[in-house]
Amino acid sequence: MQPNQTVLAFDTSAAHCAAALLSGSRLLRSEMREMVKGQAEALMPMLESMLSDAGLKWNDLSALGVGIGPGNFTGIRIAVSAARGLALGLEIPAVGVSSMEALAEGHEGPCIALTDARRGAVYAQGFQGVALAAQHLTASEFTDLQHTFQTVPLIAAHTLDAPTRSPAMPIAEAIARIAERRAVPDLAPPAPLYLRPADAAPAKPAPALLDK
């Protein structure tokens, strides 16, 4: 992207609704609201308010950044759908950024980014030379990982059963900064990143009707 372009980024992949507005390298606005549900109703008013407070309009945007997970399945779909729709209407690129990429943003040197996958499990990915692809780890697998990478810092936004470092910046700001670097014309639309099956059980087949 050209310097001093304006990027609006947002994330609803966890129990929050977060957004950030970036102009070049300068952070104009950043907001995060903790919420277990209601992101679908809160997201667009938050984005519109952020633009208005900065004296900007939708057409002033050069690109979008969106959190693609892993995380809450419904939350991921809310943000990704919004980003795809806005990008199409505004004719600007939308850049998908994973939760682990956002956590690692701003840290120097090798690290492993972790997000809570519930039930003692984590999502993990290594950065800057750490040979660990994005994956879902059970509690025992996470313990093995700690033994394997004892000298590599662990970065996490939430408290885990392990010594971790905090992210260098809020998630939406990190997404915005990554999106600013990656945005190019004709970029493929962002897609959700799912590293495990959904918690919901598959629908049961409808019972057969008995002939009278």
C-alpha atoms as a PDB file:
ATOM      1  CA  MET A   1       0.000   0.000   0.000  1.00  0.00           C
ATOM      2  CA  GLN A   2       0.978   3.637  -0.388  1.00  0.00           C
ATOM      3  CA  PRO A   3       2.085   5.482   2.771  1.00  0.00           C
ATOM      4  CA  ASN A   4      -0.480   7.256   4.935  1.00  0.00           C
ATOM      5  CA  GLN A   5      -3.339   5.076   3.739  1.00  0.00           C
ATOM      6  CA  THR A   6      -6.275   4.578   6.114  1.00  0.00           C
ATOM      7  CA  VAL A   7      -7.098   1.101   7.426  1.00  0.00           C
ATOM      8  CA  LEU A   8     -10.095   0.101   9.536  1.00  0.00           C
ATOM      9  CA  ALA A   9      -9.709  -3.225  11.362  1.00  0.00           C
ATOM     10  CA  PHE A  10     -12.068  -5.200  13.572  1.00  0.00           C
ATOM     11  CA  ASP A  11     -12.354  -8.517  15.382  1.00  0.00           C
ATOM     12  CA  THR A  12     -15.177 -10.480  17.018  1.00  0.00           C
ATOM     13  CA  SER A  13     -13.473 -13.878  17.229  1.00  0.00           C
ATOM     14  CA  ALA A  14     -13.653 -13.992  21.043  1.00  0.00           C
ATOM     15  CA  ALA A  15     -15.873 -12.534  23.781  1.00  0.00           C
ATOM     16  CA  HIS A  16     -15.340  -8.989  22.573  1.00  0.00           C
ATOM     17  CA  CYS A  17     -16.046  -6.482  19.821  1.00  0.00           C
ATOM     18  CA  ALA A  18     -12.828  -4.686  18.925  1.00  0.00           C
ATOM     19  CA  ALA A  19     -11.868  -2.133  16.288  1.00  0.00           C
ATOM     20  CA  ALA A  20      -8.974   0.141  15.371  1.00  0.00           C
ATOM     21  CA  LEU A  21      -8.417   2.908  12.830  1.00  0.00           C
ATOM     22  CA  LEU A  22      -4.957   3.459  11.392  1.00  0.00           C
ATOM     23  CA  SER A  23      -3.562   6.208   9.162  1.00  0.00           C
ATOM     24  CA  GLY A  24      -0.165   5.136   7.894  1.00  0.00           C
ATOM     25  CA  SER A  25       1.673   4.181  11.080  1.00  0.00           C
ATOM     26  CA  ARG A  26      -0.450   6.477  13.264  1.00  0.00           C
ATOM     27  CA  LEU A  27      -3.203   4.950  15.385  1.00  0.00           C
ATOM     28  CA  LEU A  28      -6.233   7.244  15.221  1.00  0.00           C
ATOM     29  CA  ARG A  29      -8.745   5.272  17.283  1.00  0.00           C
ATOM     30  CA  SER A  30      -8.898   1.960  19.160  1.00  0.00           C
ATOM     31  CA  GLU A  31     -11.725   0.392  21.129  1.00  0.00           C
ATOM     32  CA  MET A  32     -12.561  -2.971  22.677  1.00  0.00           C
ATOM     33  CA  ARG A  33     -15.808  -3.922  24.372  1.00  0.00           C
ATOM     34  CA  GLU A  34     -16.006  -7.152  26.318  1.00  0.00           C
ATOM     35  CA  MET A  35     -19.176  -9.036  25.395  1.00  0.00           C
ATOM     36  CA  VAL A  36     -20.184 -12.689  25.318  1.00  0.00           C
ATOM     37  CA  LYS A  37     -22.912 -12.071  22.745  1.00  0.00           C
ATOM     38  CA  GLY A  38     -24.370  -9.202  20.746  1.00  0.00           C
ATOM     39  CA  GLN A  39     -21.364  -8.584  18.480  1.00  0.00           C
ATOM     40  CA  ALA A  40     -23.552  -8.638  15.373  1.00  0.00           C
ATOM     41  CA  GLU A  41     -25.574  -5.696  16.679  1.00  0.00           C
ATOM     42  CA  ALA A  42     -22.591  -3.811  18.137  1.00  0.00           C
ATOM     43  CA  LEU A  43     -20.046  -4.044  15.324  1.00  0.00           C
ATOM     44  CA  MET A  44     -21.366  -1.667  12.660  1.00  0.00           C
ATOM     45  CA  PRO A  45     -22.365   1.139  15.099  1.00  0.00           C
ATOM     46  CA  MET A  46     -18.874   0.874  16.633  1.00  0.00           C
ATOM     47  CA  LEU A  47     -17.209   1.206  13.223  1.00  0.00           C
ATOM     48  CA  GLU A  48     -19.421   4.108  12.162  1.00  0.00           C
ATOM     49  CA  SER A  49     -18.771   5.918  15.441  1.00  0.00           C
ATOM     50  CA  MET A  50     -15.028   5.380  15.102  1.00  0.00           C
ATOM     51  CA  LEU A  51     -14.975   6.875  11.626  1.00  0.00           C
ATOM     52  CA  SER A  52     -17.179   9.801  12.665  1.00  0.00           C
ATOM     53  CA  ASP A  53     -15.009  10.606  15.707  1.00  0.00           C
ATOM     54  CA  ALA A  54     -11.965  10.724  13.421  1.00  0.00           C
ATOM     55  CA  GLY A  55     -13.744  13.005  10.939  1.00  0.00           C
ATOM     56  CA  LEU A  56     -13.724  10.314   8.250  1.00  0.00           C
ATOM     57  CA  LYS A  57     -16.259   8.594   6.020  1.00  0.00           C
ATOM     58  CA  TRP A  58     -16.387   5.062   4.634  1.00  0.00           C
ATOM     59  CA  ASN A  59     -15.058   6.260   1.281  1.00  0.00           C
ATOM     60  CA  ASP A  60     -11.910   7.571   2.975  1.00  0.00           C
ATOM     61  CA  LEU A  61     -10.777   4.019   3.735  1.00  0.00           C
ATOM     62  CA  SER A  62      -8.015   2.390   1.714  1.00  0.00           C
ATOM     63  CA  ALA A  63      -8.307  -1.122   3.176  1.00  0.00           C
ATOM     64  CA  LEU A  64      -9.928  -3.255   5.845  1.00  0.00           C
ATOM     65  CA  GLY A  65      -8.420  -5.718   8.293  1.00  0.00           C
ATOM     66  CA  VAL A  66     -10.436  -8.481   9.929  1.00  0.00           C
ATOM     67  CA  GLY A  67      -9.753 -11.160  12.512  1.00  0.00           C
ATOM     68  CA  ILE A  68     -10.378 -14.587  10.992  1.00  0.00           C
ATOM     69  CA  GLY A  69      -9.886 -16.645  14.149  1.00  0.00           C
ATOM     70  CA  PRO A  70      -9.472 -19.261  15.342  1.00  0.00           C
ATOM     71  CA  GLY A  71     -11.973 -18.631  18.096  1.00  0.00           C
ATOM     72  CA  ASN A  72     -15.727 -18.391  18.460  1.00  0.00           C
ATOM     73  CA  PHE A  73     -17.337 -19.786  15.310  1.00  0.00           C
ATOM     74  CA  THR A  74     -20.271 -17.370  15.252  1.00  0.00           C
ATOM     75  CA  GLY A  75     -18.097 -14.377  16.111  1.00  0.00           C
ATOM     76  CA  ILE A  76     -15.645 -15.171  13.326  1.00  0.00           C
ATOM     77  CA  ARG A  77     -18.458 -15.374  10.762  1.00  0.00           C
ATOM     78  CA  ILE A  78     -19.875 -12.017  11.911  1.00  0.00           C
ATOM     79  CA  ALA A  79     -16.617 -10.138  11.327  1.00  0.00           C
ATOM     80  CA  VAL A  80     -15.602 -11.936   8.131  1.00  0.00           C
ATOM     81  CA  SER A  81     -19.040 -11.439   6.569  1.00  0.00           C
ATOM     82  CA  ALA A  82     -18.963  -7.743   7.451  1.00  0.00           C
ATOM     83  CA  ALA A  83     -15.473  -7.327   5.989  1.00  0.00           C
ATOM     84  CA  ARG A  84     -16.362  -9.085   2.756  1.00  0.00           C
ATOM     85  CA  GLY A  85     -19.516  -7.009   2.318  1.00  0.00           C
ATOM     86  CA  LEU A  86     -17.788  -3.713   3.059  1.00  0.00           C
ATOM     87  CA  ALA A  87     -14.840  -4.522   0.809  1.00  0.00           C
ATOM     88  CA  LEU A  88     -17.177  -5.340  -2.053  1.00  0.00           C
ATOM     89  CA  GLY A  89     -19.240  -2.177  -1.615  1.00  0.00           C
ATOM     90  CA  LEU A  90     -16.264   0.148  -1.109  1.00  0.00           C
ATOM     91  CA  GLU A  91     -14.085  -1.585  -3.717  1.00  0.00           C
ATOM     92  CA  ILE A  92     -11.119  -1.851  -1.363  1.00  0.00           C
ATOM     93  CA  PRO A  93      -9.126  -4.897  -0.203  1.00  0.00           C
ATOM     94  CA  ALA A  94      -9.995  -6.764   3.001  1.00  0.00           C
ATOM     95  CA  VAL A  95      -7.097  -8.553   4.695  1.00  0.00           C
ATOM     96  CA  GLY A  96      -7.734 -11.567   6.919  1.00  0.00           C
ATOM     97  CA  VAL A  97      -5.427 -11.841   9.947  1.00  0.00           C
ATOM     98  CA  SER A  98      -5.338 -14.774  12.352  1.00  0.00           C
ATOM     99  CA  SER A  99      -5.531 -14.359  16.116  1.00  0.00           C
ATOM    100  CA  MET A 100      -2.030 -15.790  16.519  1.00  0.00           C
ATOM    101  CA  GLU A 101      -0.564 -13.414  13.929  1.00  0.00           C
ATOM    102  CA  ALA A 102      -2.107 -10.510  15.813  1.00  0.00           C
ATOM    103  CA  LEU A 103      -0.672 -11.727  19.125  1.00  0.00           C
ATOM    104  CA  ALA A 104       2.837 -12.016  17.662  1.00  0.00           C
ATOM    105  CA  GLU A 105       2.728  -8.541  16.073  1.00  0.00           C
ATOM    106  CA  GLY A 106       5.233  -6.154  17.636  1.00  0.00           C
ATOM    107  CA  HIS A 107       7.363  -8.838  19.314  1.00  0.00           C
ATOM    108  CA  GLU A 108      11.000  -9.184  18.300  1.00  0.00           C
ATOM    109  CA  GLY A 109      12.601 -12.575  17.906  1.00  0.00           C
ATOM    110  CA  PRO A 110      11.111 -16.088  17.943  1.00  0.00           C
ATOM    111  CA  CYS A 111       7.866 -16.635  19.821  1.00  0.00           C
ATOM    112  CA  ILE A 112       4.839 -18.907  20.044  1.00  0.00           C
ATOM    113  CA  ALA A 113       1.426 -17.230  20.078  1.00  0.00           C
ATOM    114  CA  LEU A 114      -1.356 -18.939  22.041  1.00  0.00           C
ATOM    115  CA  THR A 115      -5.094 -18.407  22.239  1.00  0.00           C
ATOM    116  CA  ASP A 116      -7.534 -20.186  24.519  1.00  0.00           C
ATOM    117  CA  ALA A 117      -9.420 -23.023  22.809  1.00  0.00           C
ATOM    118  CA  ARG A 118     -11.325 -23.893  26.012  1.00  0.00           C
ATOM    119  CA  ARG A 119     -11.361 -27.185  27.952  1.00  0.00           C
ATOM    120  CA  GLY A 120      -7.654 -26.868  28.660  1.00  0.00           C
ATOM    121  CA  ALA A 121      -6.747 -26.754  24.970  1.00  0.00           C
ATOM    122  CA  VAL A 122      -5.013 -23.959  23.052  1.00  0.00           C
ATOM    123  CA  TYR A 123      -4.475 -22.757  19.523  1.00  0.00           C
ATOM    124  CA  ALA A 124      -0.770 -22.288  18.869  1.00  0.00           C
ATOM    125  CA  GLN A 125       1.521 -21.036  16.125  1.00  0.00           C
ATOM    126  CA  GLY A 126       5.246 -20.346  15.981  1.00  0.00           C
ATOM    127  CA  PHE A 127       6.790 -17.220  14.453  1.00  0.00           C
ATOM    128  CA  GLN A 128      10.214 -16.052  13.285  1.00  0.00           C
ATOM    129  CA  GLY A 129      11.847 -19.420  12.759  1.00  0.00           C
ATOM    130  CA  VAL A 130       9.822 -21.518  15.208  1.00  0.00           C
ATOM    131  CA  ALA A 131       8.713 -24.664  13.331  1.00  0.00           C
ATOM    132  CA  LEU A 132       5.149 -24.803  14.597  1.00  0.00           C
ATOM    133  CA  ALA A 133       2.243 -24.433  12.188  1.00  0.00           C
ATOM    134  CA  ALA A 134      -1.121 -23.086  13.356  1.00  0.00           C
ATOM    135  CA  GLN A 135      -2.844 -25.932  15.161  1.00  0.00           C
ATOM    136  CA  HIS A 136      -5.209 -26.998  17.940  1.00  0.00           C
ATOM    137  CA  LEU A 137      -3.438 -28.586  20.914  1.00  0.00           C
ATOM    138  CA  THR A 138      -5.002 -30.598  23.720  1.00  0.00           C
ATOM    139  CA  ALA A 139      -3.883 -30.000  27.300  1.00  0.00           C
ATOM    140  CA  SER A 140      -1.341 -32.854  27.129  1.00  0.00           C
ATOM    141  CA  GLU A 141      -0.065 -31.695  23.730  1.00  0.00           C
ATOM    142  CA  PHE A 142       0.364 -28.190  25.139  1.00  0.00           C
ATOM    143  CA  THR A 143       2.444 -29.619  28.004  1.00  0.00           C
ATOM    144  CA  ASP A 144       4.632 -31.418  25.459  1.00  0.00           C
ATOM    145  CA  LEU A 145       5.009 -28.172  23.520  1.00  0.00           C
ATOM    146  CA  GLN A 146       6.277 -26.372  26.618  1.00  0.00           C
ATOM    147  CA  HIS A 147       8.929 -29.042  27.106  1.00  0.00           C
ATOM    148  CA  THR A 148       9.948 -28.931  23.431  1.00  0.00           C
ATOM    149  CA  PHE A 149      10.213 -25.135  23.218  1.00  0.00           C
ATOM    150  CA  GLN A 150      11.425 -24.304  26.713  1.00  0.00           C
ATOM    151  CA  THR A 151      13.424 -21.222  25.670  1.00  0.00           C
ATOM    152  CA  VAL A 152      10.845 -19.736  23.280  1.00  0.00           C
ATOM    153  CA  PRO A 153       8.603 -16.994  24.746  1.00  0.00           C
ATOM    154  CA  LEU A 154       4.878 -17.766  24.836  1.00  0.00           C
ATOM    155  CA  ILE A 155       2.568 -14.859  23.930  1.00  0.00           C
ATOM    156  CA  ALA A 156      -1.046 -14.976  25.113  1.00  0.00           C
ATOM    157  CA  ALA A 157      -3.864 -12.474  25.614  1.00  0.00           C
ATOM    158  CA  HIS A 158      -5.550 -14.528  28.344  1.00  0.00           C
ATOM    159  CA  THR A 159      -4.343 -16.319  31.457  1.00  0.00           C
ATOM    160  CA  LEU A 160      -3.164 -19.840  30.701  1.00  0.00           C
ATOM    161  CA  ASP A 161      -1.629 -22.562  32.824  1.00  0.00           C
ATOM    162  CA  ALA A 162       1.850 -21.499  31.738  1.00  0.00           C
ATOM    163  CA  PRO A 163       4.141 -18.447  32.065  1.00  0.00           C
ATOM    164  CA  THR A 164       3.296 -16.140  29.174  1.00  0.00           C
ATOM    165  CA  ARG A 165       4.006 -12.635  27.936  1.00  0.00           C
ATOM    166  CA  SER A 166       1.287 -10.140  27.111  1.00  0.00           C
ATOM    167  CA  PRO A 167       0.640  -8.975  23.531  1.00  0.00           C
ATOM    168  CA  ALA A 168       2.503  -5.860  22.434  1.00  0.00           C
ATOM    169  CA  MET A 169      -0.743  -4.128  21.455  1.00  0.00           C
ATOM    170  CA  PRO A 170      -4.543  -4.629  21.408  1.00  0.00           C
ATOM    171  CA  ILE A 171      -5.748  -7.191  18.872  1.00  0.00           C
ATOM    172  CA  ALA A 172      -7.558  -4.756  16.568  1.00  0.00           C
ATOM    173  CA  GLU A 173      -4.514  -2.476  16.341  1.00  0.00           C
ATOM    174  CA  ALA A 174      -2.328  -5.461  15.510  1.00  0.00           C
ATOM    175  CA  ILE A 175      -4.752  -6.554  12.782  1.00  0.00           C
ATOM    176  CA  ALA A 176      -4.752  -3.031  11.345  1.00  0.00           C
ATOM    177  CA  ARG A 177      -0.949  -2.853  11.214  1.00  0.00           C
ATOM    178  CA  ILE A 178      -0.644  -6.250   9.552  1.00  0.00           C
ATOM    179  CA  ALA A 179      -3.407  -5.375   7.080  1.00  0.00           C
ATOM    180  CA  GLU A 180      -1.666  -2.090   6.208  1.00  0.00           C
ATOM    181  CA  ARG A 181       1.412  -4.053   5.139  1.00  0.00           C
ATOM    182  CA  ARG A 182      -0.426  -6.786   3.254  1.00  0.00           C
ATOM    183  CA  ALA A 183      -3.214  -4.939   1.453  1.00  0.00           C
ATOM    184  CA  VAL A 184      -2.939  -5.056  -2.323  1.00  0.00           C
ATOM    185  CA  PRO A 185      -5.536  -4.639  -5.077  1.00  0.00           C
ATOM    186  CA  ASP A 186      -7.548  -7.708  -6.087  1.00  0.00           C
ATOM    187  CA  LEU A 187      -6.757  -9.533  -2.852  1.00  0.00           C
ATOM    188  CA  ALA A 188      -8.765 -12.727  -2.315  1.00  0.00           C
ATOM    189  CA  PRO A 189     -11.648 -12.241   0.174  1.00  0.00           C
ATOM    190  CA  PRO A 190     -10.864 -13.215   3.791  1.00  0.00           C
ATOM    191  CA  ALA A 191     -12.066 -16.606   5.013  1.00  0.00           C
ATOM    192  CA  PRO A 192     -12.567 -17.984   8.536  1.00  0.00           C
ATOM    193  CA  LEU A 193      -9.725 -19.992  10.056  1.00  0.00           C
ATOM    194  CA  TYR A 194     -11.127 -23.065  11.794  1.00  0.00           C
ATOM    195  CA  LEU A 195      -8.678 -25.422  13.498  1.00  0.00           C
ATOM    196  CA  ARG A 196     -11.205 -27.722  15.167  1.00  0.00           C
ATOM    197  CA  PRO A 197     -14.775 -28.903  14.583  1.00  0.00           C
ATOM    198  CA  ALA A 198     -17.674 -26.837  15.897  1.00  0.00           C
ATOM    199  CA  ASP A 199     -18.991 -27.670  19.383  1.00  0.00           C
ATOM    200  CA  ALA A 200     -22.552 -27.999  18.141  1.00  0.00           C
ATOM    201  CA  ALA A 201     -23.692 -31.545  17.508  1.00  0.00           C
ATOM    202  CA  PRO A 202     -24.798 -32.377  13.960  1.00  0.00           C
ATOM    203  CA  ALA A 203     -28.500 -32.204  13.309  1.00  0.00           C
ATOM    204  CA  LYS A 204     -30.321 -35.511  13.764  1.00  0.00           C
ATOM    205  CA  PRO A 205     -32.164 -36.911  10.762  1.00  0.00           C
ATOM    206  CA  ALA A 206     -35.877 -36.194  10.744  1.00  0.00           C
ATOM    207  CA  PRO A 207     -37.986 -39.159  11.904  1.00  0.00           C
ATOM    208  CA  ALA A 208     -39.620 -41.145   9.151  1.00  0.00           C
ATOM    209  CA  LEU A 209     -43.344 -40.672   8.759  1.00  0.00           C
ATOM    210  CA  LEU A 210     -45.357 -43.818   9.298  1.00  0.00           C
ATOM    211  CA  ASP A 211     -47.902 -44.785   6.714  1.00  0.00           C
ATOM    212  CA  LYS A 212     -51.410 -44.758   8.043  1.00  0.00           C
END
